[in-house]
Amino acid sequence: ASLRKIKAAWLVAPVDPSTSISPTNARGFANVPASPLPFPALIAASANDPYATVEYSRRCARDWGAAFTAVGALGHINGNSGLGDWPQGRGLLASLLNG
């Protein structure tokens, strides 16, 4: 896909591939470039995510030129988190898309 077609990126709970408990499939992200993304981005991170610290997620946001928000202690945010429709997340996505 052309970068011109990307309106924004919402990155939720990025996994730190350098931790000993990171999922095996996340280790391929160990050498992601630390340069600003060419489109608006927002990283949302949980205070008690077992796969990444808030500091790691904040550093990713800084490296990628993304906005950052801490969303509280929600564990690792994914389809198995039990968050259901996650109104807070929907609000974050809407604010990103609406500038």
PDB file of N, CA and C in Angstrom:
ATOM      1  N   ALA A   1       0.845  -1.187   0.000  1.00  0.00           N
ATOM      2  CA  ALA A   1       0.000   0.000   0.000  1.00  0.00           C
ATOM      3  C   ALA A   1       0.880   1.237   0.000  1.00  0.00           C
ATOM      4  N   SER A   2       0.442   2.220  -0.691  1.00  0.00           N
ATOM      5  CA  SER A   2       1.150   3.486  -0.753  1.00  0.00           C
ATOM      6  C   SER A   2       1.019   4.217   0.576  1.00  0.00           C
ATOM      7  N   LEU A   3       2.102   4.845   1.024  1.00  0.00           N
ATOM      8  CA  LEU A   3       2.051   5.605   2.273  1.00  0.00           C
ATOM      9  C   LEU A   3       1.052   6.742   2.188  1.00  0.00           C
ATOM     10  N   ARG A   4       0.776   7.247   0.991  1.00  0.00           N
ATOM     11  CA  ARG A   4      -0.196   8.332   0.846  1.00  0.00           C
ATOM     12  C   ARG A   4      -1.593   7.882   1.236  1.00  0.00           C
ATOM     13  N   LYS A   5      -1.858   6.592   1.223  1.00  0.00           N
ATOM     14  CA  LYS A   5      -3.177   6.074   1.582  1.00  0.00           C
ATOM     15  C   LYS A   5      -3.334   5.857   3.080  1.00  0.00           C
ATOM     16  N   ILE A   6      -2.255   5.940   3.829  1.00  0.00           N
ATOM     17  CA  ILE A   6      -2.318   5.726   5.277  1.00  0.00           C
ATOM     18  C   ILE A   6      -2.684   7.040   5.941  1.00  0.00           C
ATOM     19  N   LYS A   7      -3.853   7.049   6.586  1.00  0.00           N
ATOM     20  CA  LYS A   7      -4.317   8.265   7.256  1.00  0.00           C
ATOM     21  C   LYS A   7      -3.660   8.406   8.624  1.00  0.00           C
ATOM     22  N   ALA A   8      -3.508   7.296   9.336  1.00  0.00           N
ATOM     23  CA  ALA A   8      -2.940   7.318  10.683  1.00  0.00           C
ATOM     24  C   ALA A   8      -2.676   5.885  11.129  1.00  0.00           C
ATOM     25  N   ALA A   9      -1.912   5.755  12.221  1.00  0.00           N
ATOM     26  CA  ALA A   9      -1.649   4.435  12.799  1.00  0.00           C
ATOM     27  C   ALA A   9      -1.946   4.486  14.289  1.00  0.00           C
ATOM     28  N   TRP A  10      -2.752   3.551  14.732  1.00  0.00           N
ATOM     29  CA  TRP A  10      -3.062   3.416  16.151  1.00  0.00           C
ATOM     30  C   TRP A  10      -2.368   2.150  16.622  1.00  0.00           C
ATOM     31  N   LEU A  11      -1.363   2.301  17.431  1.00  0.00           N
ATOM     32  CA  LEU A  11      -0.523   1.195  17.872  1.00  0.00           C
ATOM     33  C   LEU A  11      -0.833   0.916  19.343  1.00  0.00           C
ATOM     34  N   VAL A  12      -1.481  -0.193  19.599  1.00  0.00           N
ATOM     35  CA  VAL A  12      -1.927  -0.527  20.946  1.00  0.00           C
ATOM     36  C   VAL A  12      -1.046  -1.632  21.517  1.00  0.00           C
ATOM     37  N   ALA A  13      -0.515  -1.372  22.695  1.00  0.00           N
ATOM     38  CA  ALA A  13       0.270  -2.364  23.445  1.00  0.00           C
ATOM     39  C   ALA A  13       1.430  -2.952  22.642  1.00  0.00           C
ATOM     40  N   PRO A  14       2.347  -2.094  22.163  1.00  0.00           N
ATOM     41  CA  PRO A  14       3.493  -2.667  21.454  1.00  0.00           C
ATOM     42  C   PRO A  14       4.286  -3.589  22.378  1.00  0.00           C
ATOM     43  N   VAL A  15       4.712  -4.698  21.840  1.00  0.00           N
ATOM     44  CA  VAL A  15       5.458  -5.697  22.610  1.00  0.00           C
ATOM     45  C   VAL A  15       6.951  -5.403  22.497  1.00  0.00           C
ATOM     46  N   ASP A  16       7.642  -5.442  23.629  1.00  0.00           N
ATOM     47  CA  ASP A  16       9.094  -5.274  23.645  1.00  0.00           C
ATOM     48  C   ASP A  16       9.718  -6.628  23.284  1.00  0.00           C
ATOM     49  N   PRO A  17      10.276  -6.760  22.082  1.00  0.00           N
ATOM     50  CA  PRO A  17      10.791  -8.068  21.654  1.00  0.00           C
ATOM     51  C   PRO A  17      12.055  -8.506  22.397  1.00  0.00           C
ATOM     52  N   SER A  18      12.640  -7.623  23.180  1.00  0.00           N
ATOM     53  CA  SER A  18      13.877  -7.989  23.875  1.00  0.00           C
ATOM     54  C   SER A  18      13.626  -8.643  25.229  1.00  0.00           C
ATOM     55  N   THR A  19      12.382  -8.686  25.680  1.00  0.00           N
ATOM     56  CA  THR A  19      12.126  -9.310  26.976  1.00  0.00           C
ATOM     57  C   THR A  19      12.115 -10.827  26.842  1.00  0.00           C
ATOM     58  N   SER A  20      12.424 -11.481  27.918  1.00  0.00           N
ATOM     59  CA  SER A  20      12.493 -12.945  27.888  1.00  0.00           C
ATOM     60  C   SER A  20      11.123 -13.593  27.742  1.00  0.00           C
ATOM     61  N   ILE A  21      10.059 -12.870  28.030  1.00  0.00           N
ATOM     62  CA  ILE A  21       8.723 -13.472  27.924  1.00  0.00           C
ATOM     63  C   ILE A  21       7.960 -13.008  26.685  1.00  0.00           C
ATOM     64  N   SER A  22       8.607 -12.223  25.826  1.00  0.00           N
ATOM     65  CA  SER A  22       7.880 -11.757  24.643  1.00  0.00           C
ATOM     66  C   SER A  22       7.504 -12.952  23.763  1.00  0.00           C
ATOM     67  N   PRO A  23       6.328 -12.880  23.147  1.00  0.00           N
ATOM     68  CA  PRO A  23       5.933 -13.979  22.252  1.00  0.00           C
ATOM     69  C   PRO A  23       6.963 -14.163  21.138  1.00  0.00           C
ATOM     70  N   THR A  24       7.175 -15.377  20.748  1.00  0.00           N
ATOM     71  CA  THR A  24       8.171 -15.687  19.716  1.00  0.00           C
ATOM     72  C   THR A  24       7.939 -14.879  18.443  1.00  0.00           C
ATOM     73  N   ASN A  25       6.678 -14.718  18.039  1.00  0.00           N
ATOM     74  CA  ASN A  25       6.406 -13.996  16.798  1.00  0.00           C
ATOM     75  C   ASN A  25       6.685 -12.492  16.911  1.00  0.00           C
ATOM     76  N   ALA A  26       6.903 -11.962  18.102  1.00  0.00           N
ATOM     77  CA  ALA A  26       7.234 -10.541  18.278  1.00  0.00           C
ATOM     78  C   ALA A  26       8.725 -10.286  18.120  1.00  0.00           C
ATOM     79  N   ARG A  27       9.533 -11.303  18.175  1.00  0.00           N
ATOM     80  CA  ARG A  27      10.985 -11.107  18.122  1.00  0.00           C
ATOM     81  C   ARG A  27      11.450 -10.585  16.764  1.00  0.00           C
ATOM     82  N   GLY A  28      10.651 -10.747  15.726  1.00  0.00           N
ATOM     83  CA  GLY A  28      10.976 -10.212  14.413  1.00  0.00           C
ATOM     84  C   GLY A  28      10.934  -8.690  14.369  1.00  0.00           C
ATOM     85  N   PHE A  29      10.402  -8.072  15.420  1.00  0.00           N
ATOM     86  CA  PHE A  29      10.321  -6.610  15.485  1.00  0.00           C
ATOM     87  C   PHE A  29      11.489  -6.016  16.272  1.00  0.00           C
ATOM     88  N   ALA A  30      12.514  -6.796  16.525  1.00  0.00           N
ATOM     89  CA  ALA A  30      13.628  -6.329  17.346  1.00  0.00           C
ATOM     90  C   ALA A  30      14.405  -5.184  16.706  1.00  0.00           C
ATOM     91  N   ASN A  31      14.423  -5.095  15.403  1.00  0.00           N
ATOM     92  CA  ASN A  31      15.228  -4.056  14.741  1.00  0.00           C
ATOM     93  C   ASN A  31      14.379  -3.076  13.940  1.00  0.00           C
ATOM     94  N   VAL A  32      13.225  -2.720  14.477  1.00  0.00           N
ATOM     95  CA  VAL A  32      12.355  -1.749  13.815  1.00  0.00           C
ATOM     96  C   VAL A  32      13.068  -0.395  13.837  1.00  0.00           C
ATOM     97  N   PRO A  33      13.090   0.310  12.716  1.00  0.00           N
ATOM     98  CA  PRO A  33      13.762   1.619  12.692  1.00  0.00           C
ATOM     99  C   PRO A  33      13.190   2.583  13.732  1.00  0.00           C
ATOM    100  N   ALA A  34      14.060   3.357  14.315  1.00  0.00           N
ATOM    101  CA  ALA A  34      13.658   4.350  15.319  1.00  0.00           C
ATOM    102  C   ALA A  34      13.621   5.722  14.675  1.00  0.00           C
ATOM    103  N   SER A  35      12.767   5.863  13.679  1.00  0.00           N
ATOM    104  CA  SER A  35      12.641   7.143  12.986  1.00  0.00           C
ATOM    105  C   SER A  35      11.171   7.505  12.881  1.00  0.00           C
ATOM    106  N   PRO A  36      10.875   8.801  12.765  1.00  0.00           N
ATOM    107  CA  PRO A  36       9.478   9.239  12.740  1.00  0.00           C
ATOM    108  C   PRO A  36       8.685   8.613  11.595  1.00  0.00           C
ATOM    109  N   LEU A  37       7.455   8.266  11.897  1.00  0.00           N
ATOM    110  CA  LEU A  37       6.543   7.738  10.894  1.00  0.00           C
ATOM    111  C   LEU A  37       6.075   8.882   9.999  1.00  0.00           C
ATOM    112  N   PRO A  38       5.777   8.604   8.739  1.00  0.00           N
ATOM    113  CA  PRO A  38       5.364   9.671   7.819  1.00  0.00           C
ATOM    114  C   PRO A  38       3.864   9.971   7.866  1.00  0.00           C
ATOM    115  N   PHE A  39       3.208   9.615   8.951  1.00  0.00           N
ATOM    116  CA  PHE A  39       1.776   9.856   9.129  1.00  0.00           C
ATOM    117  C   PHE A  39       1.515   9.969  10.624  1.00  0.00           C
ATOM    118  N   PRO A  40       0.399  10.580  11.024  1.00  0.00           N
ATOM    119  CA  PRO A  40       0.086  10.685  12.453  1.00  0.00           C
ATOM    120  C   PRO A  40      -0.052   9.297  13.082  1.00  0.00           C
ATOM    121  N   ALA A  41       0.367   9.196  14.333  1.00  0.00           N
ATOM    122  CA  ALA A  41       0.276   7.916  15.035  1.00  0.00           C
ATOM    123  C   ALA A  41       0.023   8.156  16.517  1.00  0.00           C
ATOM    124  N   LEU A  42      -0.585   7.171  17.144  1.00  0.00           N
ATOM    125  CA  LEU A  42      -0.863   7.197  18.575  1.00  0.00           C
ATOM    126  C   LEU A  42      -0.545   5.832  19.147  1.00  0.00           C
ATOM    127  N   ILE A  43       0.223   5.811  20.231  1.00  0.00           N
ATOM    128  CA  ILE A  43       0.524   4.572  20.942  1.00  0.00           C
ATOM    129  C   ILE A  43      -0.241   4.589  22.257  1.00  0.00           C
ATOM    130  N   ALA A  44      -0.965   3.506  22.527  1.00  0.00           N
ATOM    131  CA  ALA A  44      -1.669   3.330  23.792  1.00  0.00           C
ATOM    132  C   ALA A  44      -1.002   2.190  24.545  1.00  0.00           C
ATOM    133  N   ALA A  45      -0.705   2.425  25.821  1.00  0.00           N
ATOM    134  CA  ALA A  45       0.002   1.416  26.611  1.00  0.00           C
ATOM    135  C   ALA A  45      -0.659   1.217  27.969  1.00  0.00           C
ATOM    136  N   SER A  46      -0.644  -0.016  28.423  1.00  0.00           N
ATOM    137  CA  SER A  46      -1.186  -0.395  29.724  1.00  0.00           C
ATOM    138  C   SER A  46      -0.074  -0.355  30.774  1.00  0.00           C
ATOM    139  N   ALA A  47      -0.438   0.055  31.971  1.00  0.00           N
ATOM    140  CA  ALA A  47       0.534   0.167  33.062  1.00  0.00           C
ATOM    141  C   ALA A  47       1.060  -1.181  33.543  1.00  0.00           C
ATOM    142  N   ASN A  48       0.318  -2.247  33.300  1.00  0.00           N
ATOM    143  CA  ASN A  48       0.755  -3.561  33.781  1.00  0.00           C
ATOM    144  C   ASN A  48       0.819  -4.605  32.665  1.00  0.00           C
ATOM    145  N   ASP A  49       1.213  -4.169  31.486  1.00  0.00           N
ATOM    146  CA  ASP A  49       1.377  -5.088  30.356  1.00  0.00           C
ATOM    147  C   ASP A  49       2.595  -5.966  30.630  1.00  0.00           C
ATOM    148  N   PRO A  50       2.444  -7.282  30.651  1.00  0.00           N
ATOM    149  CA  PRO A  50       3.595  -8.138  30.936  1.00  0.00           C
ATOM    150  C   PRO A  50       4.624  -8.162  29.802  1.00  0.00           C
ATOM    151  N   TYR A  51       4.244  -7.694  28.614  1.00  0.00           N
ATOM    152  CA  TYR A  51       5.144  -7.762  27.465  1.00  0.00           C
ATOM    153  C   TYR A  51       5.900  -6.471  27.169  1.00  0.00           C
ATOM    154  N   ALA A  52       5.587  -5.399  27.872  1.00  0.00           N
ATOM    155  CA  ALA A  52       6.303  -4.135  27.647  1.00  0.00           C
ATOM    156  C   ALA A  52       6.001  -3.169  28.778  1.00  0.00           C
ATOM    157  N   THR A  53       7.002  -2.441  29.187  1.00  0.00           N
ATOM    158  CA  THR A  53       6.801  -1.409  30.196  1.00  0.00           C
ATOM    159  C   THR A  53       6.227  -0.150  29.540  1.00  0.00           C
ATOM    160  N   VAL A  54       5.644   0.694  30.339  1.00  0.00           N
ATOM    161  CA  VAL A  54       5.158   1.975  29.841  1.00  0.00           C
ATOM    162  C   VAL A  54       6.342   2.766  29.278  1.00  0.00           C
ATOM    163  N   GLU A  55       7.495   2.657  29.907  1.00  0.00           N
ATOM    164  CA  GLU A  55       8.688   3.371  29.433  1.00  0.00           C
ATOM    165  C   GLU A  55       9.081   2.917  28.029  1.00  0.00           C
ATOM    166  N   TYR A  56       8.995   1.620  27.766  1.00  0.00           N
ATOM    167  CA  TYR A  56       9.298   1.118  26.423  1.00  0.00           C
ATOM    168  C   TYR A  56       8.332   1.718  25.407  1.00  0.00           C
ATOM    169  N   SER A  57       7.041   1.682  25.715  1.00  0.00           N
ATOM    170  CA  SER A  57       6.036   2.223  24.797  1.00  0.00           C
ATOM    171  C   SER A  57       6.229   3.725  24.602  1.00  0.00           C
ATOM    172  N   ARG A  58       6.553   4.427  25.663  1.00  0.00           N
ATOM    173  CA  ARG A  58       6.798   5.869  25.565  1.00  0.00           C
ATOM    174  C   ARG A  58       8.014   6.146  24.672  1.00  0.00           C
ATOM    175  N   ARG A  59       9.058   5.314  24.791  1.00  0.00           N
ATOM    176  CA  ARG A  59      10.248   5.464  23.952  1.00  0.00           C
ATOM    177  C   ARG A  59       9.911   5.205  22.481  1.00  0.00           C
ATOM    178  N   CYS A  60       9.084   4.197  22.221  1.00  0.00           N
ATOM    179  CA  CYS A  60       8.647   3.944  20.846  1.00  0.00           C
ATOM    180  C   CYS A  60       7.917   5.163  20.300  1.00  0.00           C
ATOM    181  N   ALA A  61       7.029   5.739  21.099  1.00  0.00           N
ATOM    182  CA  ALA A  61       6.286   6.922  20.659  1.00  0.00           C
ATOM    183  C   ALA A  61       7.247   8.062  20.327  1.00  0.00           C
ATOM    184  N   ARG A  62       8.206   8.277  21.173  1.00  0.00           N
ATOM    185  CA  ARG A  62       9.198   9.340  20.929  1.00  0.00           C
ATOM    186  C   ARG A  62       9.980   9.055  19.647  1.00  0.00           C
ATOM    187  N   ASP A  63      10.462   7.837  19.489  1.00  0.00           N
ATOM    188  CA  ASP A  63      11.247   7.470  18.299  1.00  0.00           C
ATOM    189  C   ASP A  63      10.437   7.614  17.022  1.00  0.00           C
ATOM    190  N   TRP A  64       9.162   7.251  17.075  1.00  0.00           N
ATOM    191  CA  TRP A  64       8.321   7.237  15.873  1.00  0.00           C
ATOM    192  C   TRP A  64       7.554   8.541  15.661  1.00  0.00           C
ATOM    193  N   GLY A  65       7.762   9.530  16.564  1.00  0.00           N
ATOM    194  CA  GLY A  65       7.050  10.797  16.439  1.00  0.00           C
ATOM    195  C   GLY A  65       5.560  10.647  16.665  1.00  0.00           C
ATOM    196  N   ALA A  66       5.187   9.706  17.502  1.00  0.00           N
ATOM    197  CA  ALA A  66       3.775   9.412  17.766  1.00  0.00           C
ATOM    198  C   ALA A  66       3.329  10.054  19.074  1.00  0.00           C
ATOM    199  N   ALA A  67       2.045  10.314  19.180  1.00  0.00           N
ATOM    200  CA  ALA A  67       1.466  10.719  20.452  1.00  0.00           C
ATOM    201  C   ALA A  67       1.440   9.487  21.352  1.00  0.00           C
ATOM    202  N   PHE A  68       1.350   9.701  22.649  1.00  0.00           N
ATOM    203  CA  PHE A  68       1.361   8.598  23.606  1.00  0.00           C
ATOM    204  C   PHE A  68       0.254   8.799  24.629  1.00  0.00           C
ATOM    205  N   THR A  69      -0.390   7.703  25.007  1.00  0.00           N
ATOM    206  CA  THR A  69      -1.348   7.759  26.109  1.00  0.00           C
ATOM    207  C   THR A  69      -1.260   6.487  26.940  1.00  0.00           C
ATOM    208  N   ALA A  70      -1.244   6.665  28.246  1.00  0.00           N
ATOM    209  CA  ALA A  70      -1.304   5.543  29.176  1.00  0.00           C
ATOM    210  C   ALA A  70      -2.781   5.312  29.481  1.00  0.00           C
ATOM    211  N   VAL A  71      -3.236   4.081  29.370  1.00  0.00           N
ATOM    212  CA  VAL A  71      -4.659   3.780  29.487  1.00  0.00           C
ATOM    213  C   VAL A  71      -5.039   3.091  30.789  1.00  0.00           C
ATOM    214  N   GLY A  72      -4.130   3.068  31.750  1.00  0.00           N
ATOM    215  CA  GLY A  72      -4.417   2.411  33.021  1.00  0.00           C
ATOM    216  C   GLY A  72      -3.899   0.994  33.038  1.00  0.00           C
ATOM    217  N   ALA A  73      -4.239   0.270  34.071  1.00  0.00           N
ATOM    218  CA  ALA A  73      -3.771  -1.108  34.259  1.00  0.00           C
ATOM    219  C   ALA A  73      -4.757  -2.078  33.608  1.00  0.00           C
ATOM    220  N   LEU A  74      -4.527  -2.393  32.336  1.00  0.00           N
ATOM    221  CA  LEU A  74      -5.420  -3.260  31.579  1.00  0.00           C
ATOM    222  C   LEU A  74      -4.763  -4.572  31.150  1.00  0.00           C
ATOM    223  N   GLY A  75      -3.557  -4.846  31.633  1.00  0.00           N
ATOM    224  CA  GLY A  75      -2.839  -6.033  31.183  1.00  0.00           C
ATOM    225  C   GLY A  75      -2.384  -5.832  29.747  1.00  0.00           C
ATOM    226  N   HIS A  76      -2.148  -6.920  29.019  1.00  0.00           N
ATOM    227  CA  HIS A  76      -1.781  -6.801  27.608  1.00  0.00           C
ATOM    228  C   HIS A  76      -3.068  -6.635  26.807  1.00  0.00           C
ATOM    229  N   ILE A  77      -3.190  -5.538  26.100  1.00  0.00           N
ATOM    230  CA  ILE A  77      -4.420  -5.229  25.377  1.00  0.00           C
ATOM    231  C   ILE A  77      -4.421  -5.966  24.041  1.00  0.00           C
ATOM    232  N   ASN A  78      -5.367  -6.885  23.914  1.00  0.00           N
ATOM    233  CA  ASN A  78      -5.571  -7.618  22.663  1.00  0.00           C
ATOM    234  C   ASN A  78      -6.981  -8.200  22.671  1.00  0.00           C
ATOM    235  N   GLY A  79      -7.291  -9.023  21.721  1.00  0.00           N
ATOM    236  CA  GLY A  79      -8.629  -9.594  21.618  1.00  0.00           C
ATOM    237  C   GLY A  79      -9.019 -10.479  22.787  1.00  0.00           C
ATOM    238  N   ASN A  80      -8.042 -10.936  23.551  1.00  0.00           N
ATOM    239  CA  ASN A  80      -8.317 -11.803  24.696  1.00  0.00           C
ATOM    240  C   ASN A  80      -8.310 -11.064  26.024  1.00  0.00           C
ATOM    241  N   SER A  81      -8.273  -9.735  25.983  1.00  0.00           N
ATOM    242  CA  SER A  81      -8.156  -8.937  27.205  1.00  0.00           C
ATOM    243  C   SER A  81      -9.442  -8.832  28.009  1.00  0.00           C
ATOM    244  N   GLY A  82     -10.558  -9.189  27.418  1.00  0.00           N
ATOM    245  CA  GLY A  82     -11.829  -9.073  28.117  1.00  0.00           C
ATOM    246  C   GLY A  82     -12.362  -7.644  28.151  1.00  0.00           C
ATOM    247  N   LEU A  83     -11.838  -6.784  27.292  1.00  0.00           N
ATOM    248  CA  LEU A  83     -12.277  -5.384  27.279  1.00  0.00           C
ATOM    249  C   LEU A  83     -13.547  -5.183  26.458  1.00  0.00           C
ATOM    250  N   GLY A  84     -13.929  -6.185  25.709  1.00  0.00           N
ATOM    251  CA  GLY A  84     -15.136  -6.070  24.898  1.00  0.00           C
ATOM    252  C   GLY A  84     -15.012  -4.965  23.872  1.00  0.00           C
ATOM    253  N   ASP A  85     -16.027  -4.118  23.795  1.00  0.00           N
ATOM    254  CA  ASP A  85     -16.076  -3.033  22.820  1.00  0.00           C
ATOM    255  C   ASP A  85     -15.045  -1.931  23.132  1.00  0.00           C
ATOM    256  N   TRP A  86     -14.555  -1.852  24.329  1.00  0.00           N
ATOM    257  CA  TRP A  86     -13.544  -0.916  24.835  1.00  0.00           C
ATOM    258  C   TRP A  86     -13.830   0.537  24.420  1.00  0.00           C
ATOM    259  N   PRO A  87     -14.812   1.154  25.047  1.00  0.00           N
ATOM    260  CA  PRO A  87     -15.167   2.536  24.719  1.00  0.00           C
ATOM    261  C   PRO A  87     -13.986   3.510  24.800  1.00  0.00           C
ATOM    262  N   GLN A  88     -13.106   3.327  25.768  1.00  0.00           N
ATOM    263  CA  GLN A  88     -11.932   4.204  25.869  1.00  0.00           C
ATOM    264  C   GLN A  88     -11.082   4.104  24.604  1.00  0.00           C
ATOM    265  N   GLY A  89     -10.879   2.905  24.133  1.00  0.00           N
ATOM    266  CA  GLY A  89     -10.105   2.699  22.910  1.00  0.00           C
ATOM    267  C   GLY A  89     -10.786   3.298  21.691  1.00  0.00           C
ATOM    268  N   ARG A  90     -12.089   3.126  21.601  1.00  0.00           N
ATOM    269  CA  ARG A  90     -12.834   3.715  20.487  1.00  0.00           C
ATOM    270  C   ARG A  90     -12.695   5.237  20.490  1.00  0.00           C
ATOM    271  N   GLY A  91     -12.715   5.827  21.679  1.00  0.00           N
ATOM    272  CA  GLY A  91     -12.540   7.275  21.783  1.00  0.00           C
ATOM    273  C   GLY A  91     -11.156   7.719  21.340  1.00  0.00           C
ATOM    274  N   LEU A  92     -10.134   6.956  21.729  1.00  0.00           N
ATOM    275  CA  LEU A  92      -8.766   7.276  21.310  1.00  0.00           C
ATOM    276  C   LEU A  92      -8.629   7.187  19.799  1.00  0.00           C
ATOM    277  N   LEU A  93      -9.186   6.139  19.213  1.00  0.00           N
ATOM    278  CA  LEU A  93      -9.129   5.978  17.756  1.00  0.00           C
ATOM    279  C   LEU A  93      -9.854   7.130  17.062  1.00  0.00           C
ATOM    280  N   ALA A  94     -11.016   7.491  17.553  1.00  0.00           N
ATOM    281  CA  ALA A  94     -11.777   8.593  16.941  1.00  0.00           C
ATOM    282  C   ALA A  94     -10.993   9.897  17.030  1.00  0.00           C
ATOM    283  N   SER A  95     -10.355  10.149  18.161  1.00  0.00           N
ATOM    284  CA  SER A  95      -9.588  11.396  18.280  1.00  0.00           C
ATOM    285  C   SER A  95      -8.388  11.401  17.337  1.00  0.00           C
ATOM    286  N   LEU A  96      -7.777  10.259  17.120  1.00  0.00           N
ATOM    287  CA  LEU A  96      -6.658  10.172  16.183  1.00  0.00           C
ATOM    288  C   LEU A  96      -7.143  10.439  14.761  1.00  0.00           C
ATOM    289  N   LEU A  97      -8.236   9.823  14.377  1.00  0.00           N
ATOM    290  CA  LEU A  97      -8.737   9.975  13.015  1.00  0.00           C
ATOM    291  C   LEU A  97      -9.301  11.366  12.730  1.00  0.00           C
ATOM    292  N   ASN A  98      -9.773  12.028  13.776  1.00  0.00           N
ATOM    293  CA  ASN A  98     -10.344  13.369  13.612  1.00  0.00           C
ATOM    294  C   ASN A  98      -9.331  14.480  13.828  1.00  0.00           C
ATOM    295  N   GLY A  99      -8.077  14.101  14.042  1.00  0.00           N
ATOM    296  CA  GLY A  99      -7.006  15.084  14.193  1.00  0.00           C
ATOM    297  C   GLY A  99      -7.051  15.775  15.497  1.00  0.00           C
TER     298      GLY A  99
END
